[in-house]
PDB file of N, CA and C in Angstrom:
ATOM      1  N   MET A   1       0.945  -1.210   0.008  1.00  0.00           N
ATOM      2  CA  MET A   1      -0.020   0.042   0.011  1.00  0.00           C
ATOM      3  C   MET A   1       0.852   1.287   0.060  1.00  0.00           C
ATOM      4  N   ALA A   2       1.003   1.760  -1.208  1.00  0.00           N
ATOM      5  CA  ALA A   2       1.947   3.027  -1.352  1.00  0.00           C
ATOM      6  C   ALA A   2       1.503   3.975  -0.443  1.00  0.00           C
ATOM      7  N   ALA A   3       0.316   4.276  -0.274  1.00  0.00           N
ATOM      8  CA  ALA A   3      -0.145   5.523   0.581  1.00  0.00           C
ATOM      9  C   ALA A   3       0.303   5.235   1.989  1.00  0.00           C
ATOM     10  N   ALA A   4       0.481   4.089   2.653  1.00  0.00           N
ATOM     11  CA  ALA A   4       1.191   3.880   3.874  1.00  0.00           C
ATOM     12  C   ALA A   4       2.549   4.608   3.912  1.00  0.00           C
ATOM     13  N   GLY A   5       3.346   4.073   2.792  1.00  0.00           N
ATOM     14  CA  GLY A   5       4.781   4.471   2.888  1.00  0.00           C
ATOM     15  C   GLY A   5       4.868   5.993   2.628  1.00  0.00           C
ATOM     16  N   LYS A   6       3.872   6.694   2.184  1.00  0.00           N
ATOM     17  CA  LYS A   6       3.855   7.981   1.967  1.00  0.00           C
ATOM     18  C   LYS A   6       3.246   8.828   3.066  1.00  0.00           C
ATOM     19  N   GLY A   7       2.753   8.044   4.180  1.00  0.00           N
ATOM     20  CA  GLY A   7       2.134   8.703   5.365  1.00  0.00           C
ATOM     21  C   GLY A   7       0.836   9.258   5.114  1.00  0.00           C
ATOM     22  N   HIS A   8       0.035   8.915   4.152  1.00  0.00           N
ATOM     23  CA  HIS A   8      -1.215   9.243   3.843  1.00  0.00           C
ATOM     24  C   HIS A   8      -2.402   8.565   4.721  1.00  0.00           C
ATOM     25  N   LEU A   9      -2.477   9.033   5.961  1.00  0.00           N
ATOM     26  CA  LEU A   9      -3.288   8.333   6.897  1.00  0.00           C
ATOM     27  C   LEU A   9      -4.696   8.388   6.327  1.00  0.00           C
ATOM     28  N   GLU A  10      -5.263   9.349   5.959  1.00  0.00           N
ATOM     29  CA  GLU A  10      -6.666   9.564   5.580  1.00  0.00           C
ATOM     30  C   GLU A  10      -7.044   8.371   4.258  1.00  0.00           C
ATOM     31  N   ILE A  11      -5.999   8.232   3.484  1.00  0.00           N
ATOM     32  CA  ILE A  11      -6.212   7.254   2.265  1.00  0.00           C
ATOM     33  C   ILE A  11      -6.023   5.996   2.815  1.00  0.00           C
ATOM     34  N   VAL A  12      -5.087   5.781   3.697  1.00  0.00           N
ATOM     35  CA  VAL A  12      -4.925   4.268   4.250  1.00  0.00           C
ATOM     36  C   VAL A  12      -6.166   3.916   5.146  1.00  0.00           C
ATOM     37  N   CYS A  13      -6.665   4.903   5.736  1.00  0.00           N
ATOM     38  CA  CYS A  13      -8.067   4.495   6.541  1.00  0.00           C
ATOM     39  C   CYS A  13      -9.041   4.185   5.517  1.00  0.00           C
ATOM     40  N   LEU A  14      -9.359   5.026   4.614  1.00  0.00           N
ATOM     41  CA  LEU A  14     -10.411   4.650   3.559  1.00  0.00           C
ATOM     42  C   LEU A  14     -10.144   3.260   2.976  1.00  0.00           C
ATOM     43  N   LEU A  15      -8.850   3.155   2.307  1.00  0.00           N
ATOM     44  CA  LEU A  15      -8.671   1.995   1.775  1.00  0.00           C
ATOM     45  C   LEU A  15      -8.822   0.624   2.543  1.00  0.00           C
ATOM     46  N   ALA A  16      -8.348   0.775   3.952  1.00  0.00           N
ATOM     47  CA  ALA A  16      -8.220  -0.333   4.871  1.00  0.00           C
ATOM     48  C   ALA A  16      -9.725  -0.761   5.308  1.00  0.00           C
ATOM     49  N   ASN A  17     -10.563   0.187   5.094  1.00  0.00           N
ATOM     50  CA  ASN A  17     -12.001  -0.186   5.635  1.00  0.00           C
ATOM     51  C   ASN A  17     -12.694  -0.984   4.586  1.00  0.00           C
ATOM     52  N   GLY A  18     -12.194  -1.983   4.101  1.00  0.00           N
ATOM     53  CA  GLY A  18     -12.788  -2.913   3.181  1.00  0.00           C
ATOM     54  C   GLY A  18     -12.333  -2.736   1.771  1.00  0.00           C
ATOM     55  N   TYR A  19     -11.720  -2.003   1.239  1.00  0.00           N
ATOM     56  CA  TYR A  19     -11.376  -1.804  -0.165  1.00  0.00           C
ATOM     57  C   TYR A  19     -10.034  -2.667  -0.525  1.00  0.00           C
ATOM     58  N   ILE A  20      -9.081  -2.818   0.446  1.00  0.00           N
ATOM     59  CA  ILE A  20      -7.851  -3.512   0.120  1.00  0.00           C
ATOM     60  C   ILE A  20      -7.416  -4.384   1.355  1.00  0.00           C
ATOM     61  N   ASN A  21      -6.460  -5.295   0.932  1.00  0.00           N
ATOM     62  CA  ASN A  21      -5.840  -6.246   1.902  1.00  0.00           C
ATOM     63  C   ASN A  21      -4.545  -5.449   2.531  1.00  0.00           C
ATOM     64  N   ILE A  22      -4.606  -5.149   3.788  1.00  0.00           N
ATOM     65  CA  ILE A  22      -3.524  -4.221   4.310  1.00  0.00           C
ATOM     66  C   ILE A  22      -2.196  -5.026   4.337  1.00  0.00           C
ATOM     67  N   HIS A  23      -2.386  -6.309   4.099  1.00  0.00           N
ATOM     68  CA  HIS A  23      -1.098  -7.225   4.146  1.00  0.00           C
ATOM     69  C   HIS A  23      -0.513  -7.304   2.831  1.00  0.00           C
ATOM     70  N   LYS A  24      -1.126  -6.711   1.735  1.00  0.00           N
ATOM     71  CA  LYS A  24      -0.584  -6.642   0.382  1.00  0.00           C
ATOM     72  C   LYS A  24       0.780  -5.925   0.270  1.00  0.00           C
ATOM     73  N   ARG A  25       1.773  -6.409  -0.547  1.00  0.00           N
ATOM     74  CA  ARG A  25       2.931  -5.778  -0.649  1.00  0.00           C
ATOM     75  C   ARG A  25       2.864  -4.695  -1.858  1.00  0.00           C
ATOM     76  N   THR A  26       3.463  -3.565  -1.414  1.00  0.00           N
ATOM     77  CA  THR A  26       3.490  -2.461  -2.474  1.00  0.00           C
ATOM     78  C   THR A  26       4.371  -2.699  -3.644  1.00  0.00           C
ATOM     79  N   ARG A  27       5.303  -3.429  -3.393  1.00  0.00           N
ATOM     80  CA  ARG A  27       6.368  -3.928  -4.438  1.00  0.00           C
ATOM     81  C   ARG A  27       6.600  -5.312  -4.229  1.00  0.00           C
ATOM     82  N   PRO A  28       7.166  -6.079  -5.051  1.00  0.00           N
ATOM     83  CA  PRO A  28       7.390  -7.414  -4.779  1.00  0.00           C
ATOM     84  C   PRO A  28       8.123  -7.787  -3.445  1.00  0.00           C
ATOM     85  N   ASP A  29       8.858  -6.826  -2.881  1.00  0.00           N
ATOM     86  CA  ASP A  29       9.645  -7.184  -1.711  1.00  0.00           C
ATOM     87  C   ASP A  29       9.304  -6.325  -0.536  1.00  0.00           C
ATOM     88  N   TRP A  30       8.262  -5.448  -0.442  1.00  0.00           N
ATOM     89  CA  TRP A  30       8.022  -4.464   0.663  1.00  0.00           C
ATOM     90  C   TRP A  30       6.520  -4.487   0.759  1.00  0.00           C
ATOM     91  N   MET A  31       6.126  -4.269   2.095  1.00  0.00           N
ATOM     92  CA  MET A  31       4.817  -3.855   2.469  1.00  0.00           C
ATOM     93  C   MET A  31       4.676  -2.474   3.037  1.00  0.00           C
ATOM     94  N   GLY A  32       3.523  -1.819   2.873  1.00  0.00           N
ATOM     95  CA  GLY A  32       3.313  -0.517   3.262  1.00  0.00           C
ATOM     96  C   GLY A  32       3.492  -0.232   4.770  1.00  0.00           C
ATOM     97  N   PHE A  33       3.231  -1.140   5.567  1.00  0.00           N
ATOM     98  CA  PHE A  33       3.554  -1.239   7.020  1.00  0.00           C
ATOM     99  C   PHE A  33       5.021  -0.894   7.362  1.00  0.00           C
ATOM    100  N   VAL A  34       5.827  -1.861   6.801  1.00  0.00           N
ATOM    101  CA  VAL A  34       7.265  -1.673   6.860  1.00  0.00           C
ATOM    102  C   VAL A  34       7.718  -0.192   6.306  1.00  0.00           C
ATOM    103  N   LEU A  35       7.369   0.058   5.152  1.00  0.00           N
ATOM    104  CA  LEU A  35       7.691   1.389   4.515  1.00  0.00           C
ATOM    105  C   LEU A  35       7.339   2.526   5.454  1.00  0.00           C
ATOM    106  N   ALA A  36       6.135   2.564   5.929  1.00  0.00           N
ATOM    107  CA  ALA A  36       5.639   3.473   6.888  1.00  0.00           C
ATOM    108  C   ALA A  36       6.455   3.584   8.111  1.00  0.00           C
ATOM    109  N   ALA A  37       6.786   2.626   8.780  1.00  0.00           N
ATOM    110  CA  ALA A  37       7.852   2.663   9.869  1.00  0.00           C
ATOM    111  C   ALA A  37       8.984   3.137   9.656  1.00  0.00           C
ATOM    112  N   GLY A  38       9.655   2.801   8.289  1.00  0.00           N
ATOM    113  CA  GLY A  38      10.983   3.366   8.033  1.00  0.00           C
ATOM    114  C   GLY A  38      11.012   4.939   7.786  1.00  0.00           C
ATOM    115  N   LYS A  39       9.729   5.393   7.444  1.00  0.00           N
ATOM    116  CA  LYS A  39       9.620   6.953   7.025  1.00  0.00           C
ATOM    117  C   LYS A  39       9.110   7.583   8.391  1.00  0.00           C
ATOM    118  N   GLY A  40       8.858   6.816   9.340  1.00  0.00           N
ATOM    119  CA  GLY A  40       8.511   7.482  10.667  1.00  0.00           C
ATOM    120  C   GLY A  40       7.074   7.868  10.815  1.00  0.00           C
ATOM    121  N   HIS A  41       6.139   7.341  10.019  1.00  0.00           N
ATOM    122  CA  HIS A  41       4.781   7.636   9.903  1.00  0.00           C
ATOM    123  C   HIS A  41       3.995   6.854  11.012  1.00  0.00           C
ATOM    124  N   CYS A  42       4.310   7.229  12.177  1.00  0.00           N
ATOM    125  CA  CYS A  42       3.684   6.521  13.446  1.00  0.00           C
ATOM    126  C   CYS A  42       2.141   6.456  13.370  1.00  0.00           C
ATOM    127  N   ASN A  43       1.494   7.304  12.965  1.00  0.00           N
ATOM    128  CA  ASN A  43       0.130   7.437  12.911  1.00  0.00           C
ATOM    129  C   ASN A  43      -0.396   6.344  11.983  1.00  0.00           C
ATOM    130  N   VAL A  44       0.225   6.055  10.876  1.00  0.00           N
ATOM    131  CA  VAL A  44      -0.122   5.137   9.856  1.00  0.00           C
ATOM    132  C   VAL A  44       0.171   3.594  10.483  1.00  0.00           C
ATOM    133  N   VAL A  45       1.349   3.514  11.072  1.00  0.00           N
ATOM    134  CA  VAL A  45       1.805   2.398  11.783  1.00  0.00           C
ATOM    135  C   VAL A  45       0.743   1.836  13.013  1.00  0.00           C
ATOM    136  N   LYS A  46       0.448   2.827  13.531  1.00  0.00           N
ATOM    137  CA  LYS A  46      -0.682   2.623  14.762  1.00  0.00           C
ATOM    138  C   LYS A  46      -1.851   2.129  14.121  1.00  0.00           C
ATOM    139  N   PHE A  47      -2.255   2.903  13.037  1.00  0.00           N
ATOM    140  CA  PHE A  47      -3.455   2.505  12.519  1.00  0.00           C
ATOM    141  C   PHE A  47      -3.660   1.086  11.915  1.00  0.00           C
ATOM    142  N   LEU A  48      -2.518   0.745  11.318  1.00  0.00           N
ATOM    143  CA  LEU A  48      -2.407  -0.519  10.642  1.00  0.00           C
ATOM    144  C   LEU A  48      -2.384  -1.692  11.616  1.00  0.00           C
ATOM    145  N   LEU A  49      -1.859  -1.387  12.659  1.00  0.00           N
ATOM    146  CA  LEU A  49      -1.794  -2.333  13.719  1.00  0.00           C
ATOM    147  C   LEU A  49      -3.086  -2.599  14.261  1.00  0.00           C
ATOM    148  N   SER A  50      -4.102  -1.404  14.643  1.00  0.00           N
ATOM    149  CA  SER A  50      -5.173  -1.699  14.972  1.00  0.00           C
ATOM    150  C   SER A  50      -6.306  -2.311  14.012  1.00  0.00           C
ATOM    151  N   LYS A  51      -5.748  -2.386  12.764  1.00  0.00           N
ATOM    152  CA  LYS A  51      -6.479  -3.180  11.814  1.00  0.00           C
ATOM    153  C   LYS A  51      -6.017  -4.757  11.633  1.00  0.00           C
ATOM    154  N   GLY A  52      -5.279  -5.049  12.485  1.00  0.00           N
ATOM    155  CA  GLY A  52      -4.725  -6.408  12.414  1.00  0.00           C
ATOM    156  C   GLY A  52      -3.351  -6.754  11.958  1.00  0.00           C
ATOM    157  N   MET A  53      -2.573  -5.773  11.651  1.00  0.00           N
ATOM    158  CA  MET A  53      -1.206  -5.958  11.247  1.00  0.00           C
ATOM    159  C   MET A  53      -0.304  -6.674  12.339  1.00  0.00           C
ATOM    160  N   ASN A  54       0.502  -7.634  12.011  1.00  0.00           N
ATOM    161  CA  ASN A  54       1.403  -8.194  13.134  1.00  0.00           C
ATOM    162  C   ASN A  54       2.610  -7.337  13.167  1.00  0.00           C
ATOM    163  N   ILE A  55       2.926  -6.758  14.350  1.00  0.00           N
ATOM    164  CA  ILE A  55       4.144  -5.895  14.508  1.00  0.00           C
ATOM    165  C   ILE A  55       5.366  -6.481  14.058  1.00  0.00           C
ATOM    166  N   ASN A  56       5.448  -7.756  14.147  1.00  0.00           N
ATOM    167  CA  ASN A  56       6.601  -8.465  13.693  1.00  0.00           C
ATOM    168  C   ASN A  56       6.669  -9.135  12.272  1.00  0.00           C
ATOM    169  N   GLU A  57       5.568  -8.795  11.493  1.00  0.00           N
ATOM    170  CA  GLU A  57       5.425  -9.278  10.050  1.00  0.00           C
ATOM    171  C   GLU A  57       6.674  -8.858   9.230  1.00  0.00           C
ATOM    172  N   GLN A  58       7.240  -9.885   8.645  1.00  0.00           N
ATOM    173  CA  GLN A  58       8.423  -9.738   7.696  1.00  0.00           C
ATOM    174  C   GLN A  58       7.955  -9.686   6.258  1.00  0.00           C
ATOM    175  N   THR A  59       8.659  -8.988   5.582  1.00  0.00           N
ATOM    176  CA  THR A  59       8.540  -8.856   4.054  1.00  0.00           C
ATOM    177  C   THR A  59       9.191 -10.114   3.654  1.00  0.00           C
ATOM    178  N   PRO A  60       9.233 -10.271   2.144  1.00  0.00           N
ATOM    179  CA  PRO A  60       9.781 -11.602   1.605  1.00  0.00           C
ATOM    180  C   PRO A  60      11.335 -11.462   1.793  1.00  0.00           C
ATOM    181  N   LEU A  61      11.842 -10.188   1.952  1.00  0.00           N
ATOM    182  CA  LEU A  61      13.344 -10.166   2.235  1.00  0.00           C
ATOM    183  C   LEU A  61      13.616 -10.220   3.735  1.00  0.00           C
ATOM    184  N   GLY A  62      12.627 -10.559   4.458  1.00  0.00           N
ATOM    185  CA  GLY A  62      12.796 -10.661   6.049  1.00  0.00           C
ATOM    186  C   GLY A  62      12.891  -9.573   6.904  1.00  0.00           C
ATOM    187  N   TRP A  63      12.517  -8.222   6.315  1.00  0.00           N
ATOM    188  CA  TRP A  63      12.592  -7.151   6.885  1.00  0.00           C
ATOM    189  C   TRP A  63      11.289  -6.956   7.777  1.00  0.00           C
ATOM    190  N   THR A  64      11.522  -6.279   8.830  1.00  0.00           N
ATOM    191  CA  THR A  64      10.318  -5.899   9.777  1.00  0.00           C
ATOM    192  C   THR A  64      10.188  -4.429   9.860  1.00  0.00           C
ATOM    193  N   ALA A  65       9.170  -3.912  10.558  1.00  0.00           N
ATOM    194  CA  ALA A  65       8.945  -2.515  10.747  1.00  0.00           C
ATOM    195  C   ALA A  65      10.220  -1.906  11.720  1.00  0.00           C
ATOM    196  N   LEU A  66      10.515  -2.677  12.520  1.00  0.00           N
ATOM    197  CA  LEU A  66      11.566  -2.331  13.376  1.00  0.00           C
ATOM    198  C   LEU A  66      12.904  -2.279  12.619  1.00  0.00           C
ATOM    199  N   MET A  67      13.118  -3.064  11.737  1.00  0.00           N
ATOM    200  CA  MET A  67      14.452  -3.007  10.937  1.00  0.00           C
ATOM    201  C   MET A  67      14.377  -1.788  10.171  1.00  0.00           C
ATOM    202  N   SER A  68      13.297  -1.521   9.624  1.00  0.00           N
ATOM    203  CA  SER A  68      13.074  -0.494   8.649  1.00  0.00           C
ATOM    204  C   SER A  68      13.450   0.832   9.413  1.00  0.00           C
ATOM    205  N   ALA A  69      12.714   1.083  10.512  1.00  0.00           N
ATOM    206  CA  ALA A  69      12.837   2.240  11.414  1.00  0.00           C
ATOM    207  C   ALA A  69      14.351   2.432  12.028  1.00  0.00           C
ATOM    208  N   ALA A  70      14.773   1.251  12.419  1.00  0.00           N
ATOM    209  CA  ALA A  70      16.379   1.332  12.750  1.00  0.00           C
ATOM    210  C   ALA A  70      17.315   1.754  11.545  1.00  0.00           C
ATOM    211  N   TYR A  71      17.072   1.074  10.393  1.00  0.00           N
ATOM    212  CA  TYR A  71      17.817   1.378   9.328  1.00  0.00           C
ATOM    213  C   TYR A  71      17.836   2.847   8.896  1.00  0.00           C
ATOM    214  N   HIS A  72      16.685   3.518   8.982  1.00  0.00           N
ATOM    215  CA  HIS A  72      16.377   4.961   8.695  1.00  0.00           C
ATOM    216  C   HIS A  72      16.523   5.905   9.711  1.00  0.00           C
ATOM    217  N   GLY A  73      16.984   5.474  10.971  1.00  0.00           N
ATOM    218  CA  GLY A  73      17.347   6.462  11.987  1.00  0.00           C
ATOM    219  C   GLY A  73      16.122   7.125  12.668  1.00  0.00           C
ATOM    220  N   ARG A  74      15.028   6.221  12.600  1.00  0.00           N
ATOM    221  CA  ARG A  74      13.775   6.722  13.137  1.00  0.00           C
ATOM    222  C   ARG A  74      13.758   6.281  14.624  1.00  0.00           C
ATOM    223  N   LYS A  75      14.374   7.015  15.452  1.00  0.00           N
ATOM    224  CA  LYS A  75      14.556   6.784  16.852  1.00  0.00           C
ATOM    225  C   LYS A  75      13.203   6.735  17.672  1.00  0.00           C
ATOM    226  N   GLU A  76      12.355   7.656  17.420  1.00  0.00           N
ATOM    227  CA  GLU A  76      10.973   7.572  18.047  1.00  0.00           C
ATOM    228  C   GLU A  76      10.235   6.276  17.751  1.00  0.00           C
ATOM    229  N   MET A  77      10.261   6.093  16.300  1.00  0.00           N
ATOM    230  CA  MET A  77       9.551   4.824  15.901  1.00  0.00           C
ATOM    231  C   MET A  77      10.053   3.586  16.562  1.00  0.00           C
ATOM    232  N   VAL A  78      11.256   3.556  16.467  1.00  0.00           N
ATOM    233  CA  VAL A  78      11.897   2.363  17.106  1.00  0.00           C
ATOM    234  C   VAL A  78      11.457   2.167  18.681  1.00  0.00           C
ATOM    235  N   VAL A  79      11.588   3.280  19.437  1.00  0.00           N
ATOM    236  CA  VAL A  79      11.213   3.286  20.885  1.00  0.00           C
ATOM    237  C   VAL A  79       9.817   2.715  20.901  1.00  0.00           C
ATOM    238  N   TRP A  80       8.993   3.380  19.886  1.00  0.00           N
ATOM    239  CA  TRP A  80       7.427   2.908  20.093  1.00  0.00           C
ATOM    240  C   TRP A  80       7.332   1.555  19.694  1.00  0.00           C
ATOM    241  N   LEU A  81       7.949   1.064  18.713  1.00  0.00           N
ATOM    242  CA  LEU A  81       7.753  -0.222  18.411  1.00  0.00           C
ATOM    243  C   LEU A  81       8.227  -1.168  19.507  1.00  0.00           C
ATOM    244  N   LEU A  82       9.360  -0.852  20.093  1.00  0.00           N
ATOM    245  CA  LEU A  82       9.821  -1.759  21.111  1.00  0.00           C
ATOM    246  C   LEU A  82       8.835  -1.795  22.394  1.00  0.00           C
ATOM    247  N   GLN A  83       8.348  -0.690  22.459  1.00  0.00           N
ATOM    248  CA  GLN A  83       7.319  -0.504  23.769  1.00  0.00           C
ATOM    249  C   GLN A  83       6.021  -1.413  23.376  1.00  0.00           C
ATOM    250  N   HIS A  84       5.879  -1.781  22.087  1.00  0.00           N
ATOM    251  CA  HIS A  84       4.727  -2.393  21.777  1.00  0.00           C
ATOM    252  C   HIS A  84       4.979  -3.795  21.208  1.00  0.00           C
ATOM    253  N   ASP A  85       6.055  -4.318  21.818  1.00  0.00           N
ATOM    254  CA  ASP A  85       6.582  -5.819  21.554  1.00  0.00           C
ATOM    255  C   ASP A  85       7.002  -6.221  20.171  1.00  0.00           C
ATOM    256  N   ALA A  86       7.742  -5.212  19.510  1.00  0.00           N
ATOM    257  CA  ALA A  86       8.591  -5.614  18.422  1.00  0.00           C
ATOM    258  C   ALA A  86       9.637  -6.413  18.832  1.00  0.00           C
ATOM    259  N   ASP A  87       9.956  -7.549  17.982  1.00  0.00           N
ATOM    260  CA  ASP A  87      11.035  -8.482  18.368  1.00  0.00           C
ATOM    261  C   ASP A  87      12.316  -8.000  17.766  1.00  0.00           C
ATOM    262  N   SER A  88      13.314  -7.611  18.608  1.00  0.00           N
ATOM    263  CA  SER A  88      14.596  -7.211  17.956  1.00  0.00           C
ATOM    264  C   SER A  88      15.325  -8.310  17.838  1.00  0.00           C
ATOM    265  N   SER A  89      15.024  -9.583  17.931  1.00  0.00           N
ATOM    266  CA  SER A  89      15.907 -10.578  17.676  1.00  0.00           C
ATOM    267  C   SER A  89      15.625 -11.224  16.245  1.00  0.00           C
ATOM    268  N   LEU A  90      14.692 -10.743  15.598  1.00  0.00           N
ATOM    269  CA  LEU A  90      14.454 -11.182  14.297  1.00  0.00           C
ATOM    270  C   LEU A  90      15.497 -10.874  13.375  1.00  0.00           C
ATOM    271  N   ARG A  91      15.880 -11.561  12.248  1.00  0.00           N
ATOM    272  CA  ARG A  91      16.816 -11.228  11.362  1.00  0.00           C
ATOM    273  C   ARG A  91      16.307 -11.301   9.978  1.00  0.00           C
ATOM    274  N   ASN A  92      16.701 -10.538   8.986  1.00  0.00           N
ATOM    275  CA  ASN A  92      16.375 -10.642   7.596  1.00  0.00           C
ATOM    276  C   ASN A  92      17.024 -11.701   6.843  1.00  0.00           C
ATOM    277  N   ASN A  93      16.882 -11.766   5.464  1.00  0.00           N
ATOM    278  CA  ASN A  93      17.309 -12.914   4.803  1.00  0.00           C
ATOM    279  C   ASN A  93      18.849 -12.716   4.638  1.00  0.00           C
ATOM    280  N   GLU A  94      19.429 -11.554   4.951  1.00  0.00           N
ATOM    281  CA  GLU A  94      20.895 -11.489   5.079  1.00  0.00           C
ATOM    282  C   GLU A  94      21.502 -11.534   6.412  1.00  0.00           C
ATOM    283  N   LYS A  95      20.626 -12.090   7.324  1.00  0.00           N
ATOM    284  CA  LYS A  95      21.056 -12.575   8.654  1.00  0.00           C
ATOM    285  C   LYS A  95      21.437 -11.400   9.527  1.00  0.00           C
ATOM    286  N   GLU A  96      20.675 -10.136   9.101  1.00  0.00           N
ATOM    287  CA  GLU A  96      21.041  -8.805   9.712  1.00  0.00           C
ATOM    288  C   GLU A  96      19.772  -8.555  10.794  1.00  0.00           C
ATOM    289  N   SER A  97      20.006  -7.980  11.990  1.00  0.00           N
ATOM    290  CA  SER A  97      19.044  -7.635  12.969  1.00  0.00           C
ATOM    291  C   SER A  97      18.739  -6.246  12.817  1.00  0.00           C
ATOM    292  N   ALA A  98      17.821  -5.767  13.623  1.00  0.00           N
ATOM    293  CA  ALA A  98      17.612  -4.196  13.469  1.00  0.00           C
ATOM    294  C   ALA A  98      18.839  -3.582  14.179  1.00  0.00           C
ATOM    295  N   TYR A  99      19.425  -4.120  15.211  1.00  0.00           N
ATOM    296  CA  TYR A  99      20.590  -3.651  15.865  1.00  0.00           C
ATOM    297  C   TYR A  99      21.746  -3.648  14.758  1.00  0.00           C
ATOM    298  N   ASP A 100      22.008  -4.530  14.057  1.00  0.00           N
ATOM    299  CA  ASP A 100      23.063  -4.613  12.899  1.00  0.00           C
ATOM    300  C   ASP A 100      22.823  -3.473  12.127  1.00  0.00           C
ATOM    301  N   LEU A 101      21.528  -3.308  11.559  1.00  0.00           N
ATOM    302  CA  LEU A 101      21.284  -2.299  10.599  1.00  0.00           C
ATOM    303  C   LEU A 101      21.518  -0.899  11.193  1.00  0.00           C
ATOM    304  N   ALA A 102      21.042  -0.578  12.429  1.00  0.00           N
ATOM    305  CA  ALA A 102      21.462   0.671  12.951  1.00  0.00           C
ATOM    306  C   ALA A 102      22.846   0.975  13.038  1.00  0.00           C
ATOM    307  N   LYS A 103      23.610  -0.121  13.574  1.00  0.00           N
ATOM    308  CA  LYS A 103      25.136   0.058  13.885  1.00  0.00           C
ATOM    309  C   LYS A 103      25.625   0.434  12.487  1.00  0.00           C
ATOM    310  N   GLU A 104      25.314  -0.405  11.379  1.00  0.00           N
ATOM    311  CA  GLU A 104      25.839  -0.255  10.076  1.00  0.00           C
ATOM    312  C   GLU A 104      25.740   1.263   9.466  1.00  0.00           C
ATOM    313  N   ARG A 105      24.576   1.795   9.874  1.00  0.00           N
ATOM    314  CA  ARG A 105      24.371   3.222   9.293  1.00  0.00           C
ATOM    315  C   ARG A 105      24.791   4.353  10.199  1.00  0.00           C
ATOM    316  N   GLY A 106      25.385   3.936  11.433  1.00  0.00           N
ATOM    317  CA  GLY A 106      25.932   4.853  12.328  1.00  0.00           C
ATOM    318  C   GLY A 106      25.091   5.478  13.312  1.00  0.00           C
ATOM    319  N   TYR A 107      23.806   4.689  13.553  1.00  0.00           N
ATOM    320  CA  TYR A 107      22.794   5.140  14.436  1.00  0.00           C
ATOM    321  C   TYR A 107      23.045   4.494  15.760  1.00  0.00           C
ATOM    322  N   ASN A 108      24.227   4.808  16.199  1.00  0.00           N
ATOM    323  CA  ASN A 108      24.569   4.210  17.593  1.00  0.00           C
ATOM    324  C   ASN A 108      23.655   4.497  18.734  1.00  0.00           C
ATOM    325  N   ASP A 109      22.975   5.621  18.745  1.00  0.00           N
ATOM    326  CA  ASP A 109      21.802   5.798  19.874  1.00  0.00           C
ATOM    327  C   ASP A 109      20.819   4.535  19.616  1.00  0.00           C
ATOM    328  N   ILE A 110      20.348   4.441  18.549  1.00  0.00           N
ATOM    329  CA  ILE A 110      19.353   3.449  18.178  1.00  0.00           C
ATOM    330  C   ILE A 110      19.907   2.013  18.529  1.00  0.00           C
ATOM    331  N   ALA A 111      21.144   1.790  17.990  1.00  0.00           N
ATOM    332  CA  ALA A 111      21.760   0.370  18.415  1.00  0.00           C
ATOM    333  C   ALA A 111      21.677   0.114  19.792  1.00  0.00           C
ATOM    334  N   ALA A 112      22.047   1.120  20.623  1.00  0.00           N
ATOM    335  CA  ALA A 112      22.040   0.999  22.109  1.00  0.00           C
ATOM    336  C   ALA A 112      20.783   0.658  22.579  1.00  0.00           C
ATOM    337  N   LEU A 113      19.692   1.182  22.049  1.00  0.00           N
ATOM    338  CA  LEU A 113      18.265   0.721  22.402  1.00  0.00           C
ATOM    339  C   LEU A 113      17.987  -0.649  22.063  1.00  0.00           C
ATOM    340  N   LEU A 114      18.585  -1.248  21.153  1.00  0.00           N
ATOM    341  CA  LEU A 114      18.364  -2.637  20.514  1.00  0.00           C
ATOM    342  C   LEU A 114      19.240  -3.631  21.032  1.00  0.00           C
ATOM    343  N   ASP A 115      20.346  -3.262  21.641  1.00  0.00           N
ATOM    344  CA  ASP A 115      21.370  -4.201  22.205  1.00  0.00           C
ATOM    345  C   ASP A 115      20.893  -4.793  23.531  1.00  0.00           C
TER     346      ASP A 115
END
């Protein structure tokens, strides 16, 4: 759902209320939920969770919302996801955790939260 990745909550709400499957991938390898987390769109993430998204759902590449938020330096999103039971031990298809992705990008403050 491209609208989720762009932070368009109003469109996401409209679409999620019966028009689309919120679990559908926006591209062959990504889901709107994961994209929204990586862009820091907390309102969209919260809404999609309220509609039944699994906070630890993984894309076909193994990425989670937490990994996306950590990779993009979205500290507030990382904190929020952790407070809502995001699993920091999950690894993507490259065997990287959210910690590894944050560390790799130089987000040491986020890596410390995930360690």
